[in-house]
Structures are given as C-alpha cells and as structure tokens.
C-alpha cells in the first residue's frame, strides 16, 4: 500500500519524518507559549492584588464632588 503524499501550503511535498519532527516541535512550542502566558497572567493578577488600594477607584465620591462643585458654580 502506498502512503499518501502530504504537501505544505505552497504545494511542496513533505516527507513523513519532517512531519513527525515538526509536530513534536509544534506541541513543545504550544505548551511553552501557553505556560509563559498563564505564568504572566498569574503574576499580573498577584501583583494587582498585592498593590491594590481600595480607595483609588471609588468613582462615586468623585462624581458626587463634581456634582456639588457644579451646583455650587450655578
């Protein structure tokens, strides 16, 4: 039985040994990239949790102060 030929996107024939080797490299790169991505996500979330100041993002106080200064100007 003849093995089916595989072709790359440009129409060049690809040998089976190259395909297995590139698949292994592709899996390794995928796992490495995903690991780096999730490590960065965890580091960023942890840093935000450590350095978070609760009063900084309180928008209601700023909006009320703006409304009071607007009414005082009228």
C-alpha atoms as a PDB file:
ATOM      1  CA  UNK A   1       0.000   0.000   0.000  1.00  0.00           C
ATOM      2  CA  UNK A   2       1.355   3.431  -0.932  1.00  0.00           C
ATOM      3  CA  UNK A   3       1.413   6.119   1.736  1.00  0.00           C
ATOM      4  CA  UNK A   4      -0.475   9.265   0.810  1.00  0.00           C
ATOM      5  CA  UNK A   5       1.739  12.223  -0.036  1.00  0.00           C
ATOM      6  CA  UNK A   6       1.480  15.271   2.163  1.00  0.00           C
ATOM      7  CA  UNK A   7       2.001  18.768   0.840  1.00  0.00           C
ATOM      8  CA  UNK A   8       2.763  22.049   2.563  1.00  0.00           C
ATOM      9  CA  UNK A   9       0.662  25.158   1.811  1.00  0.00           C
ATOM     10  CA  UNK A  10       2.920  26.032  -1.143  1.00  0.00           C
ATOM     11  CA  UNK A  11       2.470  22.648  -2.840  1.00  0.00           C
ATOM     12  CA  UNK A  12       5.871  21.184  -1.979  1.00  0.00           C
ATOM     13  CA  UNK A  13       5.873  17.532  -0.881  1.00  0.00           C
ATOM     14  CA  UNK A  14       6.601  16.948   2.797  1.00  0.00           C
ATOM     15  CA  UNK A  15       8.338  13.797   3.991  1.00  0.00           C
ATOM     16  CA  UNK A  16       6.793  11.895   6.875  1.00  0.00           C
ATOM     17  CA  UNK A  17       9.922  12.248   9.073  1.00  0.00           C
ATOM     18  CA  UNK A  18       9.733  16.046   8.821  1.00  0.00           C
ATOM     19  CA  UNK A  19       6.062  15.969   9.718  1.00  0.00           C
ATOM     20  CA  UNK A  20       6.608  13.990  12.932  1.00  0.00           C
ATOM     21  CA  UNK A  21       9.528  16.177  13.931  1.00  0.00           C
ATOM     22  CA  UNK A  22       7.691  19.408  13.251  1.00  0.00           C
ATOM     23  CA  UNK A  23       4.605  18.136  15.095  1.00  0.00           C
ATOM     24  CA  UNK A  24       6.755  17.453  18.156  1.00  0.00           C
ATOM     25  CA  UNK A  25       8.284  20.933  17.940  1.00  0.00           C
ATOM     26  CA  UNK A  26       4.855  22.471  17.445  1.00  0.00           C
ATOM     27  CA  UNK A  27       3.498  20.727  20.552  1.00  0.00           C
ATOM     28  CA  UNK A  28       6.524  21.888  22.546  1.00  0.00           C
ATOM     29  CA  UNK A  29       6.124  25.492  21.377  1.00  0.00           C
ATOM     30  CA  UNK A  30       2.411  25.438  22.104  1.00  0.00           C
ATOM     31  CA  UNK A  31       2.899  24.135  25.630  1.00  0.00           C
ATOM     32  CA  UNK A  32       5.770  26.540  26.300  1.00  0.00           C
ATOM     33  CA  UNK A  33       3.829  29.525  24.994  1.00  0.00           C
ATOM     34  CA  UNK A  34       0.736  28.608  26.997  1.00  0.00           C
ATOM     35  CA  UNK A  35       2.827  28.144  30.141  1.00  0.00           C
ATOM     36  CA  UNK A  36       4.503  31.530  29.713  1.00  0.00           C
ATOM     37  CA  UNK A  37       1.142  33.197  29.061  1.00  0.00           C
ATOM     38  CA  UNK A  38      -0.513  31.742  32.166  1.00  0.00           C
ATOM     39  CA  UNK A  39       2.561  32.492  34.303  1.00  0.00           C
ATOM     40  CA  UNK A  40       2.296  36.141  33.227  1.00  0.00           C
ATOM     41  CA  UNK A  41      -1.446  36.171  33.957  1.00  0.00           C
ATOM     42  CA  UNK A  42      -0.857  34.803  37.461  1.00  0.00           C
ATOM     43  CA  UNK A  43       1.987  37.271  38.098  1.00  0.00           C
ATOM     44  CA  UNK A  44      -0.096  40.261  36.951  1.00  0.00           C
ATOM     45  CA  UNK A  45      -3.148  39.251  38.993  1.00  0.00           C
ATOM     46  CA  UNK A  46      -0.989  38.610  42.074  1.00  0.00           C
ATOM     47  CA  UNK A  47       0.763  41.972  41.691  1.00  0.00           C
ATOM     48  CA  UNK A  48      -2.568  43.761  41.347  1.00  0.00           C
ATOM     49  CA  UNK A  49      -3.844  42.001  44.478  1.00  0.00           C
ATOM     50  CA  UNK A  50      -0.735  42.958  46.462  1.00  0.00           C
ATOM     51  CA  UNK A  51      -0.595  46.605  45.380  1.00  0.00           C
ATOM     52  CA  UNK A  52      -4.341  47.303  45.203  1.00  0.00           C
ATOM     53  CA  UNK A  53      -5.567  50.392  47.081  1.00  0.00           C
ATOM     54  CA  UNK A  54      -9.329  50.228  47.635  1.00  0.00           C
ATOM     55  CA  UNK A  55      -9.938  53.989  47.811  1.00  0.00           C
ATOM     56  CA  UNK A  56      -8.339  54.852  44.477  1.00  0.00           C
ATOM     57  CA  UNK A  57     -11.112  53.509  42.262  1.00  0.00           C
ATOM     58  CA  UNK A  58     -14.079  54.831  44.229  1.00  0.00           C
ATOM     59  CA  UNK A  59     -15.818  56.702  41.417  1.00  0.00           C
ATOM     60  CA  UNK A  60     -18.939  57.607  43.357  1.00  0.00           C
ATOM     61  CA  UNK A  61     -17.111  60.036  45.655  1.00  0.00           C
ATOM     62  CA  UNK A  62     -15.521  61.802  42.683  1.00  0.00           C
ATOM     63  CA  UNK A  63     -18.864  62.028  40.886  1.00  0.00           C
ATOM     64  CA  UNK A  64     -20.560  63.468  43.967  1.00  0.00           C
ATOM     65  CA  UNK A  65     -17.796  66.043  44.432  1.00  0.00           C
ATOM     66  CA  UNK A  66     -18.081  67.049  40.777  1.00  0.00           C
ATOM     67  CA  UNK A  67     -21.881  67.399  41.067  1.00  0.00           C
ATOM     68  CA  UNK A  68     -21.546  69.519  44.240  1.00  0.00           C
ATOM     69  CA  UNK A  69     -18.996  71.805  42.615  1.00  0.00           C
ATOM     70  CA  UNK A  70     -21.214  72.103  39.541  1.00  0.00           C
ATOM     71  CA  UNK A  71     -24.254  73.075  41.642  1.00  0.00           C
ATOM     72  CA  UNK A  72     -22.132  75.495  43.687  1.00  0.00           C
ATOM     73  CA  UNK A  73     -20.995  77.214  40.483  1.00  0.00           C
ATOM     74  CA  UNK A  74     -24.586  77.799  39.419  1.00  0.00           C
END
